[in-house]
Structures are given as structure tokens and as C-alpha cells.
Amino acid sequence: MFYTYVLLSKKDGKHYTGYTKDLKLRFEQHQNGEVDSTKYRRPFEIIYYEACLDQEDAMRREKYLKSYHGRMYLAKRLKSYSTRLRD
């Protein structure tokens, strides 16, 4: 299995979207500052992930979630989550 995931930076409130084969390890790498593109945006929270059957599917989902329509899809999926964050 591969995973497409979205992280929320608790530092700047922005999202990071990626994919991986080992979600737990990849999250730890983000948290420990081992990923160049996110090391200055720590700490993170996983706010969304999807399991995919293979790497190609995960890459396709990552690309979609980074698109305009993908961001709108995530906004709808995470609407109740983002409401809880404001409370």
C-alpha cells in the first residue's frame, strides 16, 4: 500500500501534501526536520490520508489534491475538522 497524506503545519497553518509507502515513518521524518521542504514548518499534524493500491495511484492522488479542484475537495472533506480547530 501507498498513502497520500496532508499535513497541517501548526507553525504557519498551511498544508503540505505528499505520498509515501510508510506513513508512520514519513510523518516522523517531517516531525524530526529530516524533510528539507518542511523542516522550518514544524510541528505538524496529519489531517487527512488515503490508502492507494500502488505508487502510481498515490502519485496521481497527490497531484490531484494539489490542484484547484483537489483543494476544493479537501476543503469539503475537512470542513468539520477545520471548524473544530477554530473552537
N, C-alpha and C. Protein backbone atom coordinates (compact mmCIF):
# COMPACT_ATOMS: atom_id res chain seq x y z
N MET A 1 0.84 -1.19 0.00
CA MET A 1 0.00 0.00 0.00
C MET A 1 0.88 1.25 0.00
N PHE A 2 0.36 2.29 -0.64
CA PHE A 2 0.97 3.61 -0.61
C PHE A 2 -0.07 4.57 -0.04
N TYR A 3 0.39 5.67 0.51
CA TYR A 3 -0.50 6.62 1.15
C TYR A 3 -0.27 8.02 0.60
N THR A 4 -1.36 8.70 0.34
CA THR A 4 -1.33 10.12 0.03
C THR A 4 -1.80 10.81 1.30
N TYR A 5 -1.09 11.84 1.72
CA TYR A 5 -1.38 12.45 3.01
C TYR A 5 -1.32 13.97 2.94
N VAL A 6 -2.00 14.59 3.90
CA VAL A 6 -1.97 16.04 4.04
C VAL A 6 -1.60 16.35 5.48
N LEU A 7 -0.59 17.19 5.63
CA LEU A 7 -0.17 17.64 6.95
C LEU A 7 -0.59 19.09 7.15
N LEU A 8 -0.86 19.43 8.38
CA LEU A 8 -1.14 20.82 8.75
C LEU A 8 0.01 21.30 9.61
N SER A 9 0.66 22.38 9.18
CA SER A 9 1.73 22.97 9.98
C SER A 9 1.10 23.75 11.11
N LYS A 10 1.47 23.43 12.33
CA LYS A 10 0.96 24.18 13.49
C LYS A 10 1.68 25.51 13.62
N LYS A 11 2.78 25.67 12.89
CA LYS A 11 3.54 26.92 12.93
C LYS A 11 2.93 27.99 12.03
N ASP A 12 2.63 27.62 10.77
CA ASP A 12 2.13 28.62 9.83
C ASP A 12 0.70 28.37 9.35
N GLY A 13 0.09 27.25 9.76
CA GLY A 13 -1.29 26.96 9.40
C GLY A 13 -1.50 26.50 7.97
N LYS A 14 -0.40 26.24 7.25
CA LYS A 14 -0.52 25.82 5.85
C LYS A 14 -0.43 24.30 5.74
N HIS A 15 -0.91 23.80 4.60
CA HIS A 15 -0.92 22.36 4.35
C HIS A 15 0.31 21.93 3.55
N TYR A 16 0.68 20.67 3.74
CA TYR A 16 1.70 20.02 2.91
C TYR A 16 1.10 18.71 2.46
N THR A 17 1.17 18.42 1.17
CA THR A 17 0.62 17.19 0.60
C THR A 17 1.75 16.36 0.02
N GLY A 18 1.73 15.06 0.31
CA GLY A 18 2.75 14.17 -0.21
C GLY A 18 2.23 12.75 -0.30
N TYR A 19 3.12 11.83 -0.68
CA TYR A 19 2.76 10.41 -0.70
C TYR A 19 3.95 9.60 -0.22
N THR A 20 3.68 8.40 0.27
CA THR A 20 4.73 7.55 0.82
C THR A 20 4.25 6.11 0.90
N LYS A 21 5.19 5.23 1.07
CA LYS A 21 4.87 3.82 1.30
C LYS A 21 4.69 3.55 2.79
N ASP A 22 5.40 4.31 3.63
CA ASP A 22 5.36 4.11 5.09
C ASP A 22 4.94 5.43 5.75
N LEU A 23 3.65 5.56 6.02
CA LEU A 23 3.10 6.81 6.53
C LEU A 23 3.68 7.18 7.90
N LYS A 24 3.80 6.22 8.78
CA LYS A 24 4.31 6.49 10.13
C LYS A 24 5.75 7.01 10.06
N LEU A 25 6.59 6.34 9.29
CA LEU A 25 7.99 6.76 9.16
C LEU A 25 8.09 8.14 8.52
N ARG A 26 7.32 8.37 7.47
CA ARG A 26 7.38 9.66 6.78
C ARG A 26 6.93 10.79 7.69
N PHE A 27 5.89 10.56 8.48
CA PHE A 27 5.43 11.57 9.42
C PHE A 27 6.53 11.88 10.44
N GLU A 28 7.19 10.86 10.94
CA GLU A 28 8.30 11.06 11.89
C GLU A 28 9.42 11.86 11.24
N GLN A 29 9.70 11.60 9.97
CA GLN A 29 10.73 12.36 9.26
C GLN A 29 10.34 13.84 9.17
N HIS A 30 9.08 14.11 8.88
CA HIS A 30 8.62 15.51 8.85
C HIS A 30 8.76 16.14 10.23
N GLN A 31 8.33 15.44 11.26
CA GLN A 31 8.37 15.97 12.63
C GLN A 31 9.80 16.21 13.11
N ASN A 32 10.73 15.39 12.66
CA ASN A 32 12.12 15.49 13.11
C ASN A 32 12.96 16.45 12.27
N GLY A 33 12.36 17.08 11.27
CA GLY A 33 13.08 18.03 10.44
C GLY A 33 13.98 17.39 9.40
N GLU A 34 13.69 16.15 9.04
CA GLU A 34 14.51 15.42 8.08
C GLU A 34 14.07 15.63 6.63
N VAL A 35 13.01 16.39 6.42
CA VAL A 35 12.50 16.66 5.07
C VAL A 35 12.76 18.14 4.79
N ASP A 36 13.63 18.41 3.81
CA ASP A 36 14.04 19.79 3.53
C ASP A 36 12.88 20.74 3.31
N SER A 37 11.88 20.30 2.57
CA SER A 37 10.78 21.21 2.21
C SER A 37 9.88 21.56 3.39
N THR A 38 9.98 20.86 4.50
CA THR A 38 9.09 21.14 5.63
C THR A 38 9.82 21.38 6.95
N LYS A 39 11.13 21.31 6.97
CA LYS A 39 11.82 21.34 8.26
C LYS A 39 11.63 22.64 9.04
N TYR A 40 11.34 23.74 8.37
CA TYR A 40 11.14 25.00 9.09
C TYR A 40 9.67 25.28 9.39
N ARG A 41 8.81 24.31 9.11
CA ARG A 41 7.37 24.50 9.32
C ARG A 41 6.83 23.59 10.43
N ARG A 42 7.69 22.96 11.18
CA ARG A 42 7.29 22.03 12.23
C ARG A 42 6.70 22.79 13.41
N PRO A 43 5.86 22.13 14.22
CA PRO A 43 5.38 20.75 14.17
C PRO A 43 4.18 20.60 13.23
N PHE A 44 3.86 19.34 12.96
CA PHE A 44 2.77 19.00 12.04
C PHE A 44 1.74 18.10 12.69
N GLU A 45 0.60 18.07 12.04
CA GLU A 45 -0.48 17.15 12.41
C GLU A 45 -0.97 16.53 11.10
N ILE A 46 -1.17 15.21 11.09
CA ILE A 46 -1.78 14.58 9.91
C ILE A 46 -3.27 14.87 9.99
N ILE A 47 -3.79 15.53 8.96
CA ILE A 47 -5.21 15.86 8.97
C ILE A 47 -6.00 15.06 7.95
N TYR A 48 -5.30 14.36 7.04
CA TYR A 48 -6.00 13.58 6.02
C TYR A 48 -5.03 12.60 5.39
N TYR A 49 -5.52 11.40 5.12
CA TYR A 49 -4.72 10.46 4.31
C TYR A 49 -5.63 9.48 3.61
N GLU A 50 -5.13 8.95 2.52
CA GLU A 50 -5.83 7.94 1.73
C GLU A 50 -4.87 6.79 1.46
N ALA A 51 -5.38 5.58 1.50
CA ALA A 51 -4.58 4.41 1.12
C ALA A 51 -4.80 4.15 -0.37
N CYS A 52 -3.71 3.88 -1.07
CA CYS A 52 -3.75 3.60 -2.50
C CYS A 52 -3.12 2.24 -2.75
N LEU A 53 -3.55 1.58 -3.81
CA LEU A 53 -3.06 0.24 -4.09
C LEU A 53 -1.63 0.21 -4.58
N ASP A 54 -1.21 1.26 -5.30
CA ASP A 54 0.16 1.26 -5.81
C ASP A 54 0.69 2.69 -5.88
N GLN A 55 1.97 2.82 -6.17
CA GLN A 55 2.63 4.11 -6.18
C GLN A 55 2.04 5.05 -7.22
N GLU A 56 1.71 4.54 -8.38
CA GLU A 56 1.14 5.37 -9.43
C GLU A 56 -0.17 6.02 -8.98
N ASP A 57 -1.03 5.24 -8.31
CA ASP A 57 -2.29 5.80 -7.80
C ASP A 57 -2.02 6.88 -6.76
N ALA A 58 -1.07 6.64 -5.87
CA ALA A 58 -0.74 7.61 -4.83
C ALA A 58 -0.21 8.90 -5.44
N MET A 59 0.64 8.78 -6.44
CA MET A 59 1.18 9.96 -7.12
C MET A 59 0.07 10.75 -7.82
N ARG A 60 -0.84 10.02 -8.45
CA ARG A 60 -1.96 10.67 -9.13
C ARG A 60 -2.85 11.42 -8.14
N ARG A 61 -3.11 10.80 -6.98
CA ARG A 61 -3.93 11.45 -5.96
C ARG A 61 -3.23 12.68 -5.38
N GLU A 62 -1.91 12.57 -5.17
CA GLU A 62 -1.16 13.71 -4.67
C GLU A 62 -1.28 14.88 -5.64
N LYS A 63 -1.08 14.61 -6.91
CA LYS A 63 -1.18 15.66 -7.93
C LYS A 63 -2.57 16.27 -7.94
N TYR A 64 -3.60 15.44 -7.85
CA TYR A 64 -4.98 15.94 -7.82
C TYR A 64 -5.22 16.82 -6.59
N LEU A 65 -4.79 16.36 -5.42
CA LEU A 65 -5.04 17.11 -4.19
C LEU A 65 -4.32 18.45 -4.17
N LYS A 66 -3.27 18.59 -4.96
CA LYS A 66 -2.55 19.85 -5.06
C LYS A 66 -3.17 20.79 -6.09
N SER A 67 -4.10 20.28 -6.90
CA SER A 67 -4.76 21.10 -7.91
C SER A 67 -5.87 21.94 -7.28
N TYR A 68 -6.40 22.88 -8.05
CA TYR A 68 -7.50 23.70 -7.56
C TYR A 68 -8.68 22.84 -7.12
N HIS A 69 -9.10 21.92 -7.99
CA HIS A 69 -10.25 21.07 -7.67
C HIS A 69 -9.95 20.15 -6.49
N GLY A 70 -8.73 19.70 -6.39
CA GLY A 70 -8.33 18.87 -5.25
C GLY A 70 -8.37 19.63 -3.95
N ARG A 71 -7.94 20.88 -3.97
CA ARG A 71 -8.00 21.71 -2.75
C ARG A 71 -9.46 21.96 -2.34
N MET A 72 -10.34 22.13 -3.33
CA MET A 72 -11.76 22.31 -3.02
C MET A 72 -12.34 21.01 -2.42
N TYR A 73 -11.95 19.87 -2.99
CA TYR A 73 -12.37 18.58 -2.46
C TYR A 73 -11.93 18.43 -1.01
N LEU A 74 -10.68 18.75 -0.73
CA LEU A 74 -10.17 18.65 0.64
C LEU A 74 -10.90 19.60 1.58
N ALA A 75 -11.17 20.80 1.10
CA ALA A 75 -11.88 21.76 1.93
C ALA A 75 -13.24 21.22 2.36
N LYS A 76 -13.94 20.57 1.44
CA LYS A 76 -15.24 19.97 1.78
C LYS A 76 -15.06 18.80 2.74
N ARG A 77 -14.07 17.95 2.48
CA ARG A 77 -13.84 16.78 3.34
C ARG A 77 -13.42 17.20 4.75
N LEU A 78 -12.69 18.29 4.86
CA LEU A 78 -12.13 18.70 6.14
C LEU A 78 -12.93 19.81 6.80
N LYS A 79 -14.09 20.10 6.26
CA LYS A 79 -14.88 21.22 6.79
C LYS A 79 -15.16 21.08 8.29
N SER A 80 -15.57 19.92 8.72
CA SER A 80 -15.86 19.75 10.15
C SER A 80 -14.57 19.78 10.97
N TYR A 81 -13.48 19.31 10.39
CA TYR A 81 -12.20 19.35 11.10
C TYR A 81 -11.75 20.80 11.30
N SER A 82 -11.81 21.61 10.26
CA SER A 82 -11.36 22.99 10.37
C SER A 82 -12.26 23.78 11.30
N THR A 83 -13.52 23.41 11.41
CA THR A 83 -14.43 24.05 12.35
C THR A 83 -13.99 23.75 13.78
N ARG A 84 -13.58 22.51 14.02
CA ARG A 84 -13.09 22.14 15.37
C ARG A 84 -11.82 22.90 15.71
N LEU A 85 -10.97 23.18 14.73
CA LEU A 85 -9.73 23.90 15.00
C LEU A 85 -10.00 25.31 15.51
N ARG A 86 -11.08 25.93 15.02
CA ARG A 86 -11.38 27.31 15.42
C ARG A 86 -12.01 27.37 16.80
N ASP A 87 -12.63 26.30 17.26
CA ASP A 87 -13.32 26.30 18.56
C ASP A 87 -12.34 26.27 19.71
